[in-house]
Amino acid sequence: KAKRDCHYLLDKTNVGMDAMLAFNDLKRQMGMLKTPMVVQKLADFIRDTGGREPILVFAEQHRVIDQIANKMSKVRKRNGKNVVVRKFTGKQNRVEREIIKKDFQEGKIDILILNKAGNVGLNLQRASYVMFAERYWNPTDEEQAEDRSHRSGQKNPVTVYYIMVPDTIEDKVLSNIDKKRKEIEN
């Protein structure tokens, strides 16, 4: 469905719309179109780990973050308790973010959904799983986000999931990320 909707949007935006505006619009739309897939992958993750493993989820758009948080807060773990989901965004003040960070590190949060407000300066090594619901344009931003769990005290290998829909605008995003990553390495 996401693939079909992406092609529909691409056809629609090609008519008289600036290419960059169309590209940005499609990227935003893909975030929302992928949300059901992200929710399903997270629900599977909770089921497979028994809800014992926390996960960091990165997304750019607040509406994507809100939708994931809303749907996942209704999922139950094996013990019958609801999954504890928190958001970490620029909408919270510094004190609220410190409390969320502390609660996550103490095991009170199962899923922590972050945007770029959570990219820098956070030590969240309790998580050995990271998911990107939406890709960032800048590979350095993605690496910083991944590094939230790659910290001193991390005892497990870190697994990173990138939720992608092939044959959509995301292929162009991935191509741009790879190109930028190579330029940075050079």
N, C-alpha and C. Protein backbone atom coordinates (compact mmCIF):
# COMPACT_ATOMS: atom_id res chain seq x y z
N LYS A 1 0.83 -1.19 0.00
CA LYS A 1 0.00 0.00 0.00
C LYS A 1 0.88 1.25 0.00
N ALA A 2 1.94 1.26 0.82
CA ALA A 2 2.83 2.41 0.87
C ALA A 2 3.47 2.65 -0.50
N LYS A 3 3.86 1.56 -1.16
CA LYS A 3 4.48 1.66 -2.48
C LYS A 3 3.48 2.26 -3.49
N ARG A 4 2.26 1.77 -3.47
CA ARG A 4 1.22 2.24 -4.38
C ARG A 4 0.92 3.72 -4.11
N ASP A 5 0.77 4.08 -2.83
CA ASP A 5 0.48 5.46 -2.48
C ASP A 5 1.63 6.39 -2.85
N CYS A 6 2.86 5.91 -2.69
CA CYS A 6 4.02 6.72 -3.05
C CYS A 6 4.02 7.02 -4.54
N HIS A 7 3.74 6.02 -5.36
CA HIS A 7 3.70 6.24 -6.81
C HIS A 7 2.57 7.20 -7.19
N TYR A 8 1.44 7.08 -6.51
CA TYR A 8 0.33 8.01 -6.74
C TYR A 8 0.76 9.44 -6.40
N LEU A 9 1.39 9.62 -5.24
CA LEU A 9 1.84 10.95 -4.84
C LEU A 9 2.91 11.49 -5.78
N LEU A 10 3.81 10.63 -6.22
CA LEU A 10 4.85 11.06 -7.14
C LEU A 10 4.23 11.55 -8.44
N ASP A 11 3.26 10.81 -8.98
CA ASP A 11 2.58 11.25 -10.20
C ASP A 11 1.85 12.58 -9.97
N LYS A 12 1.21 12.69 -8.83
CA LYS A 12 0.45 13.89 -8.51
C LYS A 12 1.36 15.10 -8.36
N THR A 13 2.51 14.94 -7.71
CA THR A 13 3.38 16.08 -7.45
C THR A 13 4.24 16.45 -8.64
N ASN A 14 4.36 15.58 -9.62
CA ASN A 14 5.14 15.90 -10.81
C ASN A 14 4.46 16.95 -11.67
N VAL A 15 3.20 17.22 -11.43
CA VAL A 15 2.46 18.17 -12.24
C VAL A 15 2.62 19.56 -11.65
N GLY A 16 3.58 20.32 -12.20
CA GLY A 16 3.74 21.73 -11.87
C GLY A 16 4.33 22.05 -10.50
N MET A 17 4.84 21.09 -9.78
CA MET A 17 5.38 21.37 -8.46
C MET A 17 6.90 21.34 -8.50
N ASP A 18 7.54 22.22 -7.80
CA ASP A 18 8.99 22.24 -7.74
C ASP A 18 9.51 20.88 -7.27
N ALA A 19 10.57 20.39 -7.88
CA ALA A 19 11.08 19.04 -7.59
C ALA A 19 11.44 18.87 -6.12
N MET A 20 12.10 19.84 -5.53
CA MET A 20 12.52 19.71 -4.12
C MET A 20 11.31 19.70 -3.20
N LEU A 21 10.32 20.55 -3.48
CA LEU A 21 9.09 20.55 -2.69
C LEU A 21 8.38 19.21 -2.80
N ALA A 22 8.33 18.69 -4.03
CA ALA A 22 7.69 17.39 -4.24
C ALA A 22 8.43 16.30 -3.47
N PHE A 23 9.75 16.35 -3.54
CA PHE A 23 10.57 15.35 -2.85
C PHE A 23 10.33 15.39 -1.34
N ASN A 24 10.33 16.60 -0.79
CA ASN A 24 10.09 16.75 0.66
C ASN A 24 8.69 16.31 1.04
N ASP A 25 7.71 16.63 0.21
CA ASP A 25 6.34 16.21 0.48
C ASP A 25 6.24 14.69 0.47
N LEU A 26 6.86 14.07 -0.50
CA LEU A 26 6.83 12.60 -0.57
C LEU A 26 7.51 11.97 0.63
N LYS A 27 8.62 12.55 1.05
CA LYS A 27 9.34 12.02 2.21
C LYS A 27 8.44 12.10 3.45
N ARG A 28 7.74 13.22 3.61
CA ARG A 28 6.82 13.37 4.75
C ARG A 28 5.69 12.35 4.66
N GLN A 29 5.13 12.20 3.48
CA GLN A 29 4.04 11.25 3.29
C GLN A 29 4.49 9.82 3.58
N MET A 30 5.72 9.48 3.17
CA MET A 30 6.23 8.12 3.41
C MET A 30 6.33 7.83 4.90
N GLY A 31 6.69 8.83 5.69
CA GLY A 31 6.75 8.62 7.13
C GLY A 31 5.42 8.16 7.68
N MET A 32 4.35 8.79 7.22
CA MET A 32 3.02 8.41 7.69
C MET A 32 2.58 7.07 7.09
N LEU A 33 2.91 6.85 5.83
CA LEU A 33 2.52 5.60 5.18
C LEU A 33 3.21 4.39 5.81
N LYS A 34 4.43 4.59 6.31
CA LYS A 34 5.19 3.49 6.91
C LYS A 34 4.81 3.21 8.35
N THR A 35 4.08 4.12 8.98
CA THR A 35 3.78 3.97 10.40
C THR A 35 3.17 2.62 10.75
N PRO A 36 2.20 2.10 9.99
CA PRO A 36 1.67 0.77 10.33
C PRO A 36 2.74 -0.33 10.30
N MET A 37 3.69 -0.23 9.36
CA MET A 37 4.79 -1.21 9.30
C MET A 37 5.69 -1.09 10.52
N VAL A 38 5.98 0.14 10.93
CA VAL A 38 6.82 0.37 12.10
C VAL A 38 6.13 -0.19 13.34
N VAL A 39 4.84 0.08 13.48
CA VAL A 39 4.08 -0.42 14.64
C VAL A 39 4.09 -1.95 14.65
N GLN A 40 3.90 -2.57 13.49
CA GLN A 40 3.91 -4.04 13.43
C GLN A 40 5.29 -4.59 13.80
N LYS A 41 6.34 -3.96 13.30
CA LYS A 41 7.71 -4.42 13.61
C LYS A 41 7.98 -4.26 15.11
N LEU A 42 7.54 -3.17 15.70
CA LEU A 42 7.72 -2.97 17.14
C LEU A 42 6.91 -3.96 17.95
N ALA A 43 5.68 -4.22 17.54
CA ALA A 43 4.84 -5.21 18.24
C ALA A 43 5.49 -6.59 18.16
N ASP A 44 6.04 -6.95 17.00
CA ASP A 44 6.75 -8.22 16.84
C ASP A 44 7.98 -8.26 17.74
N PHE A 45 8.68 -7.14 17.81
CA PHE A 45 9.88 -7.03 18.65
C PHE A 45 9.51 -7.27 20.12
N ILE A 46 8.46 -6.63 20.58
CA ILE A 46 8.00 -6.80 21.97
C ILE A 46 7.62 -8.25 22.21
N ARG A 47 6.89 -8.85 21.28
CA ARG A 47 6.49 -10.25 21.42
C ARG A 47 7.72 -11.16 21.45
N ASP A 48 8.65 -10.95 20.51
CA ASP A 48 9.83 -11.82 20.40
C ASP A 48 10.77 -11.71 21.59
N THR A 49 10.86 -10.53 22.18
CA THR A 49 11.76 -10.33 23.33
C THR A 49 11.04 -10.47 24.65
N GLY A 50 9.74 -10.70 24.59
CA GLY A 50 8.96 -10.80 25.82
C GLY A 50 8.83 -9.46 26.53
N GLY A 51 9.16 -8.39 25.82
CA GLY A 51 9.09 -7.06 26.42
C GLY A 51 10.23 -6.77 27.37
N ARG A 52 11.26 -7.62 27.34
CA ARG A 52 12.38 -7.44 28.26
C ARG A 52 13.49 -6.56 27.69
N GLU A 53 13.47 -6.31 26.40
CA GLU A 53 14.51 -5.50 25.75
C GLU A 53 13.94 -4.14 25.37
N PRO A 54 14.58 -3.06 25.79
CA PRO A 54 14.12 -1.74 25.36
C PRO A 54 14.61 -1.44 23.94
N ILE A 55 13.96 -0.50 23.30
CA ILE A 55 14.35 -0.11 21.95
C ILE A 55 14.22 1.40 21.80
N LEU A 56 15.18 1.98 21.09
CA LEU A 56 15.13 3.39 20.71
C LEU A 56 14.56 3.47 19.30
N VAL A 57 13.61 4.35 19.09
CA VAL A 57 13.02 4.53 17.76
C VAL A 57 13.21 6.00 17.37
N PHE A 58 13.81 6.21 16.20
CA PHE A 58 14.05 7.57 15.71
C PHE A 58 13.12 7.88 14.55
N ALA A 59 12.52 9.07 14.59
CA ALA A 59 11.67 9.57 13.52
C ALA A 59 11.84 11.08 13.49
N GLU A 60 11.57 11.67 12.35
CA GLU A 60 11.73 13.12 12.21
C GLU A 60 10.46 13.88 12.55
N GLN A 61 9.33 13.38 12.11
CA GLN A 61 8.09 14.13 12.20
C GLN A 61 7.36 13.86 13.51
N HIS A 62 6.86 14.92 14.11
CA HIS A 62 6.10 14.77 15.35
C HIS A 62 4.84 13.93 15.14
N ARG A 63 4.20 14.09 14.00
CA ARG A 63 2.97 13.32 13.79
C ARG A 63 3.26 11.83 13.65
N VAL A 64 4.39 11.48 13.09
CA VAL A 64 4.79 10.07 13.03
C VAL A 64 5.10 9.56 14.44
N ILE A 65 5.84 10.35 15.19
CA ILE A 65 6.18 9.99 16.58
C ILE A 65 4.90 9.79 17.39
N ASP A 66 3.97 10.74 17.27
CA ASP A 66 2.72 10.65 18.02
C ASP A 66 1.92 9.41 17.65
N GLN A 67 1.84 9.11 16.36
CA GLN A 67 1.06 7.95 15.92
C GLN A 67 1.68 6.65 16.41
N ILE A 68 2.99 6.53 16.32
CA ILE A 68 3.66 5.31 16.81
C ILE A 68 3.44 5.17 18.31
N ALA A 69 3.65 6.26 19.05
CA ALA A 69 3.48 6.21 20.51
C ALA A 69 2.06 5.83 20.89
N ASN A 70 1.09 6.41 20.23
CA ASN A 70 -0.31 6.13 20.52
C ASN A 70 -0.64 4.65 20.30
N LYS A 71 -0.25 4.12 19.16
CA LYS A 71 -0.58 2.72 18.84
C LYS A 71 0.21 1.74 19.72
N MET A 72 1.47 2.02 19.97
CA MET A 72 2.28 1.09 20.76
C MET A 72 1.92 1.10 22.25
N SER A 73 1.36 2.21 22.74
CA SER A 73 0.97 2.26 24.15
C SER A 73 -0.21 1.35 24.44
N LYS A 74 -0.87 0.85 23.39
CA LYS A 74 -2.00 -0.07 23.55
C LYS A 74 -1.58 -1.53 23.45
N VAL A 75 -0.33 -1.77 23.10
CA VAL A 75 0.19 -3.14 22.97
C VAL A 75 0.52 -3.68 24.36
N ARG A 76 0.23 -4.95 24.57
CA ARG A 76 0.52 -5.58 25.87
C ARG A 76 1.71 -6.51 25.75
N LYS A 77 2.48 -6.55 26.84
CA LYS A 77 3.60 -7.48 26.93
C LYS A 77 3.06 -8.84 27.39
N ARG A 78 3.92 -9.84 27.39
CA ARG A 78 3.51 -11.19 27.82
C ARG A 78 2.94 -11.21 29.22
N ASN A 79 3.46 -10.32 30.08
CA ASN A 79 2.98 -10.29 31.47
C ASN A 79 1.63 -9.59 31.61
N GLY A 80 1.05 -9.14 30.48
CA GLY A 80 -0.25 -8.50 30.50
C GLY A 80 -0.22 -7.00 30.68
N LYS A 81 0.94 -6.45 31.01
CA LYS A 81 1.05 -5.00 31.20
C LYS A 81 1.23 -4.32 29.85
N ASN A 82 0.74 -3.09 29.76
CA ASN A 82 0.93 -2.31 28.54
C ASN A 82 2.40 -1.96 28.35
N VAL A 83 2.79 -1.87 27.11
CA VAL A 83 4.14 -1.40 26.77
C VAL A 83 4.24 0.05 27.21
N VAL A 84 5.34 0.40 27.86
CA VAL A 84 5.55 1.78 28.29
C VAL A 84 6.33 2.50 27.19
N VAL A 85 5.68 3.50 26.62
CA VAL A 85 6.25 4.27 25.52
C VAL A 85 6.38 5.72 25.95
N ARG A 86 7.52 6.31 25.66
CA ARG A 86 7.73 7.74 25.94
C ARG A 86 8.33 8.39 24.71
N LYS A 87 8.05 9.68 24.58
CA LYS A 87 8.61 10.48 23.50
C LYS A 87 9.68 11.40 24.08
N PHE A 88 10.72 11.63 23.31
CA PHE A 88 11.81 12.52 23.69
C PHE A 88 12.02 13.48 22.52
N THR A 89 11.42 14.66 22.62
CA THR A 89 11.48 15.62 21.51
C THR A 89 11.77 17.02 22.05
N GLY A 90 11.93 17.94 21.14
CA GLY A 90 12.16 19.32 21.52
C GLY A 90 10.94 19.98 22.15
N LYS A 91 9.80 19.31 22.12
CA LYS A 91 8.59 19.86 22.74
C LYS A 91 8.64 19.81 24.26
N GLN A 92 9.53 18.93 24.79
CA GLN A 92 9.65 18.84 26.24
C GLN A 92 10.77 19.78 26.71
N ASN A 93 10.62 20.26 27.93
CA ASN A 93 11.69 21.09 28.46
C ASN A 93 12.83 20.20 28.97
N ARG A 94 13.92 20.83 29.33
CA ARG A 94 15.12 20.10 29.75
C ARG A 94 14.86 19.19 30.95
N VAL A 95 14.08 19.66 31.91
CA VAL A 95 13.79 18.87 33.11
C VAL A 95 13.00 17.62 32.74
N GLU A 96 11.98 17.77 31.91
CA GLU A 96 11.19 16.61 31.47
C GLU A 96 12.07 15.60 30.73
N ARG A 97 12.95 16.09 29.87
CA ARG A 97 13.83 15.18 29.13
C ARG A 97 14.79 14.44 30.06
N GLU A 98 15.26 15.11 31.09
CA GLU A 98 16.14 14.45 32.07
C GLU A 98 15.40 13.33 32.79
N ILE A 99 14.16 13.57 33.15
CA ILE A 99 13.35 12.54 33.83
C ILE A 99 13.14 11.35 32.90
N ILE A 100 12.81 11.62 31.64
CA ILE A 100 12.61 10.54 30.66
C ILE A 100 13.89 9.74 30.51
N LYS A 101 15.01 10.42 30.37
CA LYS A 101 16.31 9.74 30.23
C LYS A 101 16.59 8.85 31.43
N LYS A 102 16.35 9.37 32.62
CA LYS A 102 16.58 8.61 33.85
C LYS A 102 15.66 7.39 33.91
N ASP A 103 14.38 7.60 33.60
CA ASP A 103 13.41 6.49 33.62
C ASP A 103 13.80 5.40 32.61
N PHE A 104 14.29 5.81 31.44
CA PHE A 104 14.71 4.83 30.44
C PHE A 104 15.88 4.00 30.97
N GLN A 105 16.88 4.67 31.49
CA GLN A 105 18.08 3.98 31.99
C GLN A 105 17.76 3.07 33.18
N GLU A 106 16.71 3.40 33.93
CA GLU A 106 16.30 2.58 35.08
C GLU A 106 15.35 1.45 34.69
N GLY A 107 15.02 1.32 33.41
CA GLY A 107 14.18 0.22 32.96
C GLY A 107 12.70 0.45 33.07
N LYS A 108 12.28 1.70 33.21
CA LYS A 108 10.85 2.01 33.34
C LYS A 108 10.18 2.27 32.00
N ILE A 109 10.95 2.31 30.93
CA ILE A 109 10.43 2.60 29.60
C ILE A 109 10.85 1.48 28.65
N ASP A 110 9.88 0.96 27.88
CA ASP A 110 10.16 -0.10 26.92
C ASP A 110 10.57 0.45 25.56
N ILE A 111 9.88 1.50 25.11
CA ILE A 111 10.13 2.09 23.81
C ILE A 111 10.30 3.59 24.01
N LEU A 112 11.45 4.10 23.58
CA LEU A 112 11.70 5.53 23.64
C LEU A 112 11.78 6.04 22.21
N ILE A 113 10.86 6.93 21.86
CA ILE A 113 10.80 7.47 20.50
C ILE A 113 11.39 8.88 20.51
N LEU A 114 12.40 9.08 19.68
CA LEU A 114 13.14 10.33 19.68
C LEU A 114 13.16 10.96 18.30
N ASN A 115 13.29 12.28 18.28
CA ASN A 115 13.61 12.96 17.04
C ASN A 115 15.02 13.52 17.19
N LYS A 116 15.39 14.50 16.42
CA LYS A 116 16.77 15.00 16.49
C LYS A 116 17.12 15.62 17.83
N ALA A 117 16.13 15.93 18.66
CA ALA A 117 16.42 16.42 20.01
C ALA A 117 17.18 15.37 20.80
N GLY A 118 17.05 14.10 20.40
CA GLY A 118 17.73 13.01 21.10
C GLY A 118 19.00 12.55 20.41
N ASN A 119 19.45 13.26 19.40
CA ASN A 119 20.62 12.81 18.65
C ASN A 119 21.94 13.03 19.39
N VAL A 120 22.05 14.12 20.10
CA VAL A 120 23.36 14.52 20.61
C VAL A 120 23.36 14.56 22.13
N GLY A 121 24.45 14.06 22.69
CA GLY A 121 24.69 14.20 24.12
C GLY A 121 23.91 13.28 25.03
N LEU A 122 23.28 12.27 24.50
CA LEU A 122 22.52 11.34 25.33
C LEU A 122 23.26 10.02 25.46
N ASN A 123 23.27 9.49 26.65
CA ASN A 123 23.81 8.15 26.89
C ASN A 123 22.64 7.24 27.23
N LEU A 124 22.28 6.40 26.29
CA LEU A 124 21.15 5.49 26.46
C LEU A 124 21.60 4.06 26.22
N GLN A 125 22.71 3.69 26.85
CA GLN A 125 23.32 2.39 26.60
C GLN A 125 22.49 1.22 27.12
N ARG A 126 21.40 1.48 27.80
CA ARG A 126 20.52 0.38 28.21
C ARG A 126 19.92 -0.31 26.99
N ALA A 127 19.78 0.43 25.90
CA ALA A 127 19.20 -0.12 24.68
C ALA A 127 20.28 -0.73 23.81
N SER A 128 20.05 -1.94 23.38
CA SER A 128 20.94 -2.54 22.39
C SER A 128 20.21 -2.72 21.07
N TYR A 129 19.02 -2.11 20.95
CA TYR A 129 18.25 -2.13 19.71
C TYR A 129 17.85 -0.69 19.36
N VAL A 130 18.01 -0.36 18.09
CA VAL A 130 17.69 0.97 17.57
C VAL A 130 16.90 0.78 16.29
N MET A 131 15.86 1.58 16.09
CA MET A 131 15.07 1.51 14.86
C MET A 131 14.91 2.91 14.29
N PHE A 132 15.06 3.02 12.98
CA PHE A 132 14.77 4.26 12.28
C PHE A 132 13.44 4.09 11.55
N ALA A 133 12.42 4.77 12.06
CA ALA A 133 11.12 4.76 11.39
C ALA A 133 11.19 5.65 10.15
N GLU A 134 12.01 6.68 10.24
CA GLU A 134 12.26 7.57 9.11
C GLU A 134 13.77 7.78 9.02
N ARG A 135 14.26 7.86 7.80
CA ARG A 135 15.69 8.10 7.61
C ARG A 135 15.98 9.59 7.67
N TYR A 136 17.13 9.93 8.20
CA TYR A 136 17.58 11.32 8.21
C TYR A 136 18.32 11.60 6.91
N TRP A 137 18.29 12.84 6.47
CA TRP A 137 18.98 13.23 5.25
C TRP A 137 20.49 13.17 5.43
N ASN A 138 20.92 13.43 6.63
CA ASN A 138 22.35 13.57 6.89
C ASN A 138 22.87 12.29 7.56
N PRO A 139 23.86 11.62 6.95
CA PRO A 139 24.38 10.39 7.56
C PRO A 139 25.02 10.62 8.93
N THR A 140 25.55 11.80 9.15
CA THR A 140 26.14 12.11 10.46
C THR A 140 25.06 12.11 11.53
N ASP A 141 23.87 12.64 11.19
CA ASP A 141 22.74 12.63 12.14
C ASP A 141 22.34 11.19 12.47
N GLU A 142 22.33 10.32 11.47
CA GLU A 142 21.99 8.91 11.72
C GLU A 142 23.03 8.25 12.62
N GLU A 143 24.30 8.51 12.34
CA GLU A 143 25.36 7.91 13.16
C GLU A 143 25.29 8.40 14.60
N GLN A 144 25.01 9.70 14.78
CA GLN A 144 24.86 10.22 16.14
C GLN A 144 23.68 9.57 16.84
N ALA A 145 22.60 9.37 16.12
CA ALA A 145 21.42 8.72 16.70
C ALA A 145 21.76 7.29 17.12
N GLU A 146 22.42 6.55 16.23
CA GLU A 146 22.82 5.18 16.56
C GLU A 146 23.73 5.16 17.79
N ASP A 147 24.58 6.17 17.89
CA ASP A 147 25.56 6.21 18.98
C ASP A 147 24.94 6.43 20.35
N ARG A 148 23.65 6.74 20.42
CA ARG A 148 23.01 6.91 21.73
C ARG A 148 23.13 5.62 22.54
N SER A 149 23.12 4.48 21.88
CA SER A 149 23.23 3.21 22.60
C SER A 149 24.65 2.66 22.58
N HIS A 150 25.50 3.15 21.69
CA HIS A 150 26.91 2.74 21.66
C HIS A 150 27.68 3.60 22.65
N ARG A 151 27.57 3.32 23.89
CA ARG A 151 28.20 4.12 24.93
C ARG A 151 28.97 3.23 25.88
N SER A 152 29.84 3.87 26.65
CA SER A 152 30.56 3.15 27.70
C SER A 152 29.54 2.49 28.61
N GLY A 153 29.75 1.23 28.89
CA GLY A 153 28.80 0.48 29.71
C GLY A 153 27.89 -0.41 28.90
N GLN A 154 27.89 -0.25 27.58
CA GLN A 154 27.08 -1.12 26.72
C GLN A 154 27.72 -2.50 26.68
N LYS A 155 26.99 -3.49 27.10
CA LYS A 155 27.54 -4.85 27.21
C LYS A 155 27.14 -5.75 26.04
N ASN A 156 26.19 -5.31 25.23
CA ASN A 156 25.67 -6.13 24.15
C ASN A 156 25.97 -5.50 22.79
N PRO A 157 26.00 -6.32 21.75
CA PRO A 157 26.08 -5.72 20.42
C PRO A 157 24.81 -4.93 20.14
N VAL A 158 24.92 -3.88 19.38
CA VAL A 158 23.77 -3.04 19.07
C VAL A 158 23.24 -3.41 17.69
N THR A 159 21.94 -3.68 17.61
CA THR A 159 21.28 -4.02 16.36
C THR A 159 20.46 -2.81 15.91
N VAL A 160 20.64 -2.41 14.65
CA VAL A 160 19.93 -1.25 14.11
C VAL A 160 19.03 -1.71 12.98
N TYR A 161 17.75 -1.31 13.06
CA TYR A 161 16.77 -1.59 12.01
C TYR A 161 16.46 -0.30 11.25
N TYR A 162 16.44 -0.40 9.94
CA TYR A 162 16.00 0.71 9.09
C TYR A 162 14.74 0.24 8.38
N ILE A 163 13.62 0.88 8.67
CA ILE A 163 12.36 0.50 8.03
C ILE A 163 12.28 1.26 6.70
N MET A 164 12.31 0.50 5.62
CA MET A 164 12.34 1.08 4.27
C MET A 164 11.28 0.41 3.41
N VAL A 165 10.77 1.14 2.44
CA VAL A 165 9.86 0.59 1.45
C VAL A 165 10.58 0.68 0.10
N PRO A 166 10.96 -0.47 -0.47
CA PRO A 166 11.68 -0.44 -1.74
C PRO A 166 10.82 0.09 -2.89
N ASP A 167 11.49 0.58 -3.91
CA ASP A 167 10.83 1.09 -5.12
C ASP A 167 9.93 2.28 -4.83
N THR A 168 10.35 3.13 -3.88
CA THR A 168 9.62 4.35 -3.56
C THR A 168 10.64 5.49 -3.47
N ILE A 169 10.18 6.65 -3.04
CA ILE A 169 11.05 7.81 -2.88
C ILE A 169 12.18 7.53 -1.89
N GLU A 170 11.97 6.55 -1.03
CA GLU A 170 13.01 6.22 -0.05
C GLU A 170 14.28 5.70 -0.70
N ASP A 171 14.17 5.12 -1.87
CA ASP A 171 15.38 4.70 -2.59
C ASP A 171 16.26 5.91 -2.89
N LYS A 172 15.63 7.04 -3.25
CA LYS A 172 16.40 8.25 -3.52
C LYS A 172 17.01 8.79 -2.22
N VAL A 173 16.26 8.73 -1.14
CA VAL A 173 16.80 9.18 0.15
C VAL A 173 18.00 8.32 0.52
N LEU A 174 17.86 7.01 0.41
CA LEU A 174 18.96 6.10 0.73
C LEU A 174 20.16 6.36 -0.17
N SER A 175 19.92 6.58 -1.44
CA SER A 175 21.00 6.88 -2.39
C SER A 175 21.73 8.16 -1.98
N ASN A 176 20.97 9.18 -1.59
CA ASN A 176 21.59 10.44 -1.14
C ASN A 176 22.39 10.24 0.14
N ILE A 177 21.86 9.46 1.07
CA ILE A 177 22.57 9.19 2.32
C ILE A 177 23.88 8.47 2.03
N ASP A 178 23.83 7.44 1.18
CA ASP A 178 25.04 6.70 0.83
C ASP A 178 26.07 7.60 0.14
N LYS A 179 25.60 8.45 -0.75
CA LYS A 179 26.50 9.38 -1.45
C LYS A 179 27.16 10.33 -0.46
N LYS A 180 26.38 10.89 0.45
CA LYS A 180 26.93 11.81 1.45
C LYS A 180 27.91 11.08 2.37
N ARG A 181 27.57 9.85 2.75
CA ARG A 181 28.45 9.07 3.62
C ARG A 181 29.81 8.85 2.94
N LYS A 182 29.81 8.53 1.66
CA LYS A 182 31.05 8.33 0.92
C LYS A 182 31.86 9.63 0.83
N GLU A 183 31.16 10.75 0.60
CA GLU A 183 31.84 12.05 0.54
C GLU A 183 32.50 12.38 1.88
N ILE A 184 31.81 12.10 2.98
CA ILE A 184 32.36 12.36 4.31
C ILE A 184 33.57 11.48 4.56
N GLU A 185 33.47 10.19 4.18
CA GLU A 185 34.60 9.28 4.37
C GLU A 185 35.81 9.71 3.56
N ASN A 186 35.58 10.21 2.35
CA ASN A 186 36.69 10.69 1.52
C ASN A 186 37.31 11.94 2.11
